[in-house]
Amino acid sequence: MIHLELRPLSAPLVRDSGLMASTSEAANGRHLAGMRHVAFSMQFRGHSHRLSPGVLTARATAPSSALVTEIDADGVHGHLELLDGDEAHLECRLTFLDERRFEEVGTVSFGNGNALRFRSTGAGTLAPCHDPGLRHGTAAWEVDGGAGIFAGATGRIVSNFLLSDTGDLTDHHLGVLFLHRAGHSC
């Protein structure tokens, strides 16, 4: 079973297009009648396969986890802390427009019939990086609905990933979803 929790932001103010707003008002989503928003981060690990020339497919899983970021005198550090809970499953298809640019569609499944559908908002990129065995990719996705608790969902997810020469995939997602509250129609 999926458990997405909406937690208020802890900082006293949020800057939004040059205007200041209380985070409790922003986090409560008062301006969105019948909707609530959920922010999340996940790290997927899996594998990609060449389906045909110019087309890759990928499958990966992400455990329940928390991304912890620490800032100190040595700079910034991040790590993933595993939590009790289920896994999410990613399935996607990348169709390349040229050597580096691609369009992407896919789903993220959370079990119990709960799944998100997404598509890229523009061309993603996949380019060589400083590690000769890896390529670094990025994409922005538009959520265009789903099933279960994600029926009628909207939002955006950004994907920042590493793909090895052997097809190993590590994909970091950061997303904000808008979901219908229980009792409201889609």
C-alpha atoms as a PDB file:
ATOM      1  CA  MET A   1       0.000   0.000   0.000  1.00  0.00           C
ATOM      2  CA  ILE A   2       1.267   3.478  -0.833  1.00  0.00           C
ATOM      3  CA  HIS A   3       1.499   6.164   1.801  1.00  0.00           C
ATOM      4  CA  LEU A   4       2.179   9.693   0.602  1.00  0.00           C
ATOM      5  CA  GLU A   5       2.194  12.237   3.383  1.00  0.00           C
ATOM      6  CA  LEU A   6       1.795  15.972   2.966  1.00  0.00           C
ATOM      7  CA  ARG A   7       3.966  17.761   5.503  1.00  0.00           C
ATOM      8  CA  PRO A   8       4.054  21.531   6.022  1.00  0.00           C
ATOM      9  CA  LEU A   9       7.310  23.217   5.104  1.00  0.00           C
ATOM     10  CA  SER A  10       9.345  24.279   8.127  1.00  0.00           C
ATOM     11  CA  ALA A  11      10.758  27.589   6.855  1.00  0.00           C
ATOM     12  CA  PRO A  12       8.685  30.654   7.782  1.00  0.00           C
ATOM     13  CA  LEU A  13       8.489  32.128   4.272  1.00  0.00           C
ATOM     14  CA  VAL A  14       8.534  30.945   0.665  1.00  0.00           C
ATOM     15  CA  ARG A  15       9.476  33.219  -2.238  1.00  0.00           C
ATOM     16  CA  ASP A  16       7.105  32.700  -5.170  1.00  0.00           C
ATOM     17  CA  SER A  17       7.548  34.891  -8.263  1.00  0.00           C
ATOM     18  CA  GLY A  18       8.831  37.710  -6.098  1.00  0.00           C
ATOM     19  CA  LEU A  19       5.917  37.539  -3.652  1.00  0.00           C
ATOM     20  CA  MET A  20       6.235  36.310  -0.099  1.00  0.00           C
ATOM     21  CA  ALA A  21       3.727  33.793   1.249  1.00  0.00           C
ATOM     22  CA  SER A  22       3.445  31.885   4.482  1.00  0.00           C
ATOM     23  CA  THR A  23       4.520  28.267   4.019  1.00  0.00           C
ATOM     24  CA  SER A  24       1.594  27.010   6.049  1.00  0.00           C
ATOM     25  CA  GLU A  25      -0.760  28.609   3.515  1.00  0.00           C
ATOM     26  CA  ALA A  26       1.302  27.258   0.611  1.00  0.00           C
ATOM     27  CA  ALA A  27       1.600  23.781   2.148  1.00  0.00           C
ATOM     28  CA  ASN A  28      -2.085  23.540   2.998  1.00  0.00           C
ATOM     29  CA  GLY A  29      -2.997  24.239  -0.618  1.00  0.00           C
ATOM     30  CA  ARG A  30      -5.888  26.536   0.357  1.00  0.00           C
ATOM     31  CA  HIS A  31      -5.930  27.968  -3.145  1.00  0.00           C
ATOM     32  CA  LEU A  32      -6.648  24.525  -4.646  1.00  0.00           C
ATOM     33  CA  ALA A  33     -10.232  23.557  -3.793  1.00  0.00           C
ATOM     34  CA  GLY A  34     -10.477  19.777  -3.607  1.00  0.00           C
ATOM     35  CA  MET A  35      -6.752  19.275  -4.368  1.00  0.00           C
ATOM     36  CA  ARG A  36      -3.663  18.647  -2.268  1.00  0.00           C
ATOM     37  CA  HIS A  37      -0.054  18.613  -3.322  1.00  0.00           C
ATOM     38  CA  VAL A  38       2.602  16.065  -2.498  1.00  0.00           C
ATOM     39  CA  ALA A  39       6.345  16.632  -2.906  1.00  0.00           C
ATOM     40  CA  PHE A  40       8.647  13.598  -3.083  1.00  0.00           C
ATOM     41  CA  SER A  41      12.096  12.349  -4.016  1.00  0.00           C
ATOM     42  CA  MET A  42      13.037   8.799  -5.017  1.00  0.00           C
ATOM     43  CA  GLN A  43      16.135   6.999  -6.244  1.00  0.00           C
ATOM     44  CA  PHE A  44      15.484   4.282  -8.812  1.00  0.00           C
ATOM     45  CA  ARG A  45      18.015   1.608  -9.725  1.00  0.00           C
ATOM     46  CA  GLY A  46      17.620  -0.746 -12.630  1.00  0.00           C
ATOM     47  CA  HIS A  47      18.627  -1.470 -16.186  1.00  0.00           C
ATOM     48  CA  SER A  48      18.030  -0.149 -19.699  1.00  0.00           C
ATOM     49  CA  HIS A  49      17.759  -2.095 -22.945  1.00  0.00           C
ATOM     50  CA  ARG A  50      18.018  -1.047 -26.573  1.00  0.00           C
ATOM     51  CA  LEU A  51      14.622  -1.865 -28.046  1.00  0.00           C
ATOM     52  CA  SER A  52      15.413  -0.732 -31.599  1.00  0.00           C
ATOM     53  CA  PRO A  53      17.694   1.876 -33.215  1.00  0.00           C
ATOM     54  CA  GLY A  54      17.102   5.142 -31.376  1.00  0.00           C
ATOM     55  CA  VAL A  55      14.782   3.628 -28.735  1.00  0.00           C
ATOM     56  CA  LEU A  56      15.711   2.606 -25.168  1.00  0.00           C
ATOM     57  CA  THR A  57      13.467   1.062 -22.540  1.00  0.00           C
ATOM     58  CA  ALA A  58      14.227   1.036 -18.842  1.00  0.00           C
ATOM     59  CA  ARG A  59      12.886  -0.693 -15.750  1.00  0.00           C
ATOM     60  CA  ALA A  60      13.919   0.206 -12.235  1.00  0.00           C
ATOM     61  CA  THR A  61      12.742   0.079  -8.629  1.00  0.00           C
ATOM     62  CA  ALA A  62      12.956   2.582  -5.774  1.00  0.00           C
ATOM     63  CA  PRO A  63      12.641   1.625  -2.099  1.00  0.00           C
ATOM     64  CA  SER A  64      10.789   3.694   0.470  1.00  0.00           C
ATOM     65  CA  SER A  65      13.466   6.162   1.524  1.00  0.00           C
ATOM     66  CA  ALA A  66      14.421   9.677   2.541  1.00  0.00           C
ATOM     67  CA  LEU A  67      17.010  11.809   0.766  1.00  0.00           C
ATOM     68  CA  VAL A  68      19.093  13.497   3.446  1.00  0.00           C
ATOM     69  CA  THR A  69      21.124  16.587   2.539  1.00  0.00           C
ATOM     70  CA  GLU A  70      23.723  17.977   4.933  1.00  0.00           C
ATOM     71  CA  ILE A  71      25.507  21.300   4.495  1.00  0.00           C
ATOM     72  CA  ASP A  72      28.656  21.898   6.509  1.00  0.00           C
ATOM     73  CA  ALA A  73      32.114  23.482   6.284  1.00  0.00           C
ATOM     74  CA  ASP A  74      33.168  20.835   3.730  1.00  0.00           C
ATOM     75  CA  GLY A  75      30.277  21.629   1.389  1.00  0.00           C
ATOM     76  CA  VAL A  76      27.166  19.628   0.628  1.00  0.00           C
ATOM     77  CA  HIS A  77      26.655  15.903   1.267  1.00  0.00           C
ATOM     78  CA  GLY A  78      23.713  13.670   0.443  1.00  0.00           C
ATOM     79  CA  HIS A  79      22.685  10.123   1.162  1.00  0.00           C
ATOM     80  CA  LEU A  80      19.633   7.929   0.993  1.00  0.00           C
ATOM     81  CA  GLU A  81      18.130   6.527   4.200  1.00  0.00           C
ATOM     82  CA  LEU A  82      16.011   3.419   3.687  1.00  0.00           C
ATOM     83  CA  LEU A  83      12.614   3.412   5.392  1.00  0.00           C
ATOM     84  CA  ASP A  84      10.041   0.718   6.079  1.00  0.00           C
ATOM     85  CA  GLY A  85       7.588   0.486   3.224  1.00  0.00           C
ATOM     86  CA  ASP A  86       7.049  -0.768  -0.286  1.00  0.00           C
ATOM     87  CA  GLU A  87       8.857  -0.197  -3.589  1.00  0.00           C
ATOM     88  CA  ALA A  88       7.918   1.934  -6.571  1.00  0.00           C
ATOM     89  CA  HIS A  89       8.444   0.555 -10.087  1.00  0.00           C
ATOM     90  CA  LEU A  90       9.508   2.684 -13.062  1.00  0.00           C
ATOM     91  CA  GLU A  91       8.977   1.673 -16.692  1.00  0.00           C
ATOM     92  CA  CYS A  92       9.851   4.136 -19.449  1.00  0.00           C
ATOM     93  CA  ARG A  93      10.723   4.462 -23.128  1.00  0.00           C
ATOM     94  CA  LEU A  94      13.202   7.001 -24.503  1.00  0.00           C
ATOM     95  CA  THR A  95      12.938   7.827 -28.212  1.00  0.00           C
ATOM     96  CA  PHE A  96      16.023   9.663 -29.416  1.00  0.00           C
ATOM     97  CA  LEU A  97      15.687  12.702 -31.666  1.00  0.00           C
ATOM     98  CA  ASP A  98      19.461  12.783 -32.312  1.00  0.00           C
ATOM     99  CA  GLU A  99      22.650  11.621 -30.536  1.00  0.00           C
ATOM    100  CA  ARG A 100      21.838  13.434 -27.277  1.00  0.00           C
ATOM    101  CA  ARG A 101      18.184  14.537 -27.218  1.00  0.00           C
ATOM    102  CA  PHE A 102      15.197  12.301 -26.474  1.00  0.00           C
ATOM    103  CA  GLU A 103      11.483  12.286 -25.702  1.00  0.00           C
ATOM    104  CA  GLU A 104      10.210  10.047 -22.907  1.00  0.00           C
ATOM    105  CA  VAL A 105       6.970   8.399 -21.771  1.00  0.00           C
ATOM    106  CA  GLY A 106       6.382   6.013 -18.906  1.00  0.00           C
ATOM    107  CA  THR A 107       4.713   4.988 -15.691  1.00  0.00           C
ATOM    108  CA  VAL A 108       5.604   4.823 -12.030  1.00  0.00           C
ATOM    109  CA  SER A 109       3.646   2.111 -10.200  1.00  0.00           C
ATOM    110  CA  PHE A 110       3.218   2.117  -6.424  1.00  0.00           C
ATOM    111  CA  GLY A 111       1.231  -1.119  -5.992  1.00  0.00           C
ATOM    112  CA  ASN A 112      -2.439  -1.738  -5.199  1.00  0.00           C
ATOM    113  CA  GLY A 113      -3.492  -0.324  -8.573  1.00  0.00           C
ATOM    114  CA  ASN A 114      -1.864   3.085  -7.921  1.00  0.00           C
ATOM    115  CA  ALA A 115       0.220   4.375 -10.846  1.00  0.00           C
ATOM    116  CA  LEU A 116       1.274   7.659 -12.490  1.00  0.00           C
ATOM    117  CA  ARG A 117       1.606   8.261 -16.246  1.00  0.00           C
ATOM    118  CA  PHE A 118       4.156  10.808 -17.475  1.00  0.00           C
ATOM    119  CA  ARG A 119       5.595  12.255 -20.673  1.00  0.00           C
ATOM    120  CA  SER A 120       8.507  14.611 -21.262  1.00  0.00           C
ATOM    121  CA  THR A 121       7.697  18.329 -21.457  1.00  0.00           C
ATOM    122  CA  GLY A 122      10.447  18.905 -24.021  1.00  0.00           C
ATOM    123  CA  ALA A 123      13.590  17.170 -25.153  1.00  0.00           C
ATOM    124  CA  GLY A 124      15.601  15.454 -22.442  1.00  0.00           C
ATOM    125  CA  THR A 125      19.368  15.166 -22.816  1.00  0.00           C
ATOM    126  CA  LEU A 126      21.823  12.305 -22.417  1.00  0.00           C
ATOM    127  CA  ALA A 127      25.488  13.249 -22.755  1.00  0.00           C
ATOM    128  CA  PRO A 128      28.926  11.931 -21.815  1.00  0.00           C
ATOM    129  CA  CYS A 129      30.192  12.887 -18.371  1.00  0.00           C
ATOM    130  CA  HIS A 130      33.595  12.960 -16.663  1.00  0.00           C
ATOM    131  CA  ASP A 131      33.410   9.246 -15.831  1.00  0.00           C
ATOM    132  CA  PRO A 132      34.206   7.518 -19.154  1.00  0.00           C
ATOM    133  CA  GLY A 133      31.840   4.591 -18.426  1.00  0.00           C
ATOM    134  CA  LEU A 134      28.802   6.786 -17.738  1.00  0.00           C
ATOM    135  CA  ARG A 135      26.422   9.148 -19.479  1.00  0.00           C
ATOM    136  CA  HIS A 136      24.477  11.812 -17.566  1.00  0.00           C
ATOM    137  CA  GLY A 137      20.872  12.524 -18.457  1.00  0.00           C
ATOM    138  CA  THR A 138      18.111  14.925 -17.451  1.00  0.00           C
ATOM    139  CA  ALA A 139      14.441  15.226 -18.315  1.00  0.00           C
ATOM    140  CA  ALA A 140      11.384  17.118 -17.097  1.00  0.00           C
ATOM    141  CA  TRP A 141       8.083  15.271 -17.135  1.00  0.00           C
ATOM    142  CA  GLU A 142       4.442  16.282 -17.065  1.00  0.00           C
ATOM    143  CA  VAL A 143       2.172  13.953 -15.103  1.00  0.00           C
ATOM    144  CA  ASP A 144      -0.920  13.266 -17.193  1.00  0.00           C
ATOM    145  CA  GLY A 145      -3.028  11.250 -14.807  1.00  0.00           C
ATOM    146  CA  GLY A 146      -2.873   7.732 -13.614  1.00  0.00           C
ATOM    147  CA  ALA A 147      -4.830   5.045 -11.805  1.00  0.00           C
ATOM    148  CA  GLY A 148      -6.045   4.517  -8.248  1.00  0.00           C
ATOM    149  CA  ILE A 149      -5.239   7.465  -6.009  1.00  0.00           C
ATOM    150  CA  PHE A 150      -3.458   9.072  -8.986  1.00  0.00           C
ATOM    151  CA  ALA A 151      -6.565   9.203 -11.225  1.00  0.00           C
ATOM    152  CA  GLY A 152      -6.750  12.810 -12.449  1.00  0.00           C
ATOM    153  CA  ALA A 153      -3.320  13.649 -10.961  1.00  0.00           C
ATOM    154  CA  THR A 154      -1.264  16.454 -12.455  1.00  0.00           C
ATOM    155  CA  GLY A 155       2.191  17.778 -11.665  1.00  0.00           C
ATOM    156  CA  ARG A 156       5.833  17.735 -12.701  1.00  0.00           C
ATOM    157  CA  ILE A 157       8.731  15.389 -12.050  1.00  0.00           C
ATOM    158  CA  VAL A 158      12.376  16.011 -12.884  1.00  0.00           C
ATOM    159  CA  SER A 159      14.667  13.093 -13.616  1.00  0.00           C
ATOM    160  CA  ASN A 160      18.440  13.337 -13.197  1.00  0.00           C
ATOM    161  CA  PHE A 161      20.079  10.043 -14.088  1.00  0.00           C
ATOM    162  CA  LEU A 162      23.287   8.146 -14.788  1.00  0.00           C
ATOM    163  CA  LEU A 163      23.408   5.403 -17.422  1.00  0.00           C
ATOM    164  CA  SER A 164      26.411   3.086 -17.665  1.00  0.00           C
ATOM    165  CA  ASP A 165      27.857   1.544 -20.823  1.00  0.00           C
ATOM    166  CA  THR A 166      26.445  -1.796 -19.608  1.00  0.00           C
ATOM    167  CA  GLY A 167      22.923  -0.354 -19.218  1.00  0.00           C
ATOM    168  CA  ASP A 168      22.900   0.070 -15.428  1.00  0.00           C
ATOM    169  CA  LEU A 169      20.617   2.949 -14.461  1.00  0.00           C
ATOM    170  CA  THR A 170      20.478   5.181 -11.373  1.00  0.00           C
ATOM    171  CA  ASP A 171      17.640   7.700 -11.708  1.00  0.00           C
ATOM    172  CA  HIS A 172      16.881  10.425  -9.141  1.00  0.00           C
ATOM    173  CA  HIS A 173      13.343  11.857  -9.210  1.00  0.00           C
ATOM    174  CA  LEU A 174      12.058  15.020  -7.578  1.00  0.00           C
ATOM    175  CA  GLY A 175       8.366  15.667  -8.052  1.00  0.00           C
ATOM    176  CA  VAL A 176       5.394  17.751  -7.031  1.00  0.00           C
ATOM    177  CA  LEU A 177       1.980  16.189  -7.648  1.00  0.00           C
ATOM    178  CA  PHE A 178      -1.516  17.618  -7.339  1.00  0.00           C
ATOM    179  CA  LEU A 179      -3.981  14.961  -6.206  1.00  0.00           C
ATOM    180  CA  HIS A 180      -7.735  15.082  -5.698  1.00  0.00           C
ATOM    181  CA  ARG A 181      -8.737  14.946  -2.054  1.00  0.00           C
ATOM    182  CA  ALA A 182     -10.867  12.012  -0.956  1.00  0.00           C
ATOM    183  CA  GLY A 183     -14.528  12.703  -1.647  1.00  0.00           C
ATOM    184  CA  HIS A 184     -13.872  15.073  -4.585  1.00  0.00           C
ATOM    185  CA  SER A 185     -14.471  13.960  -8.134  1.00  0.00           C
ATOM    186  CA  CYS A 186     -11.750  13.856 -10.756  1.00  0.00           C
END
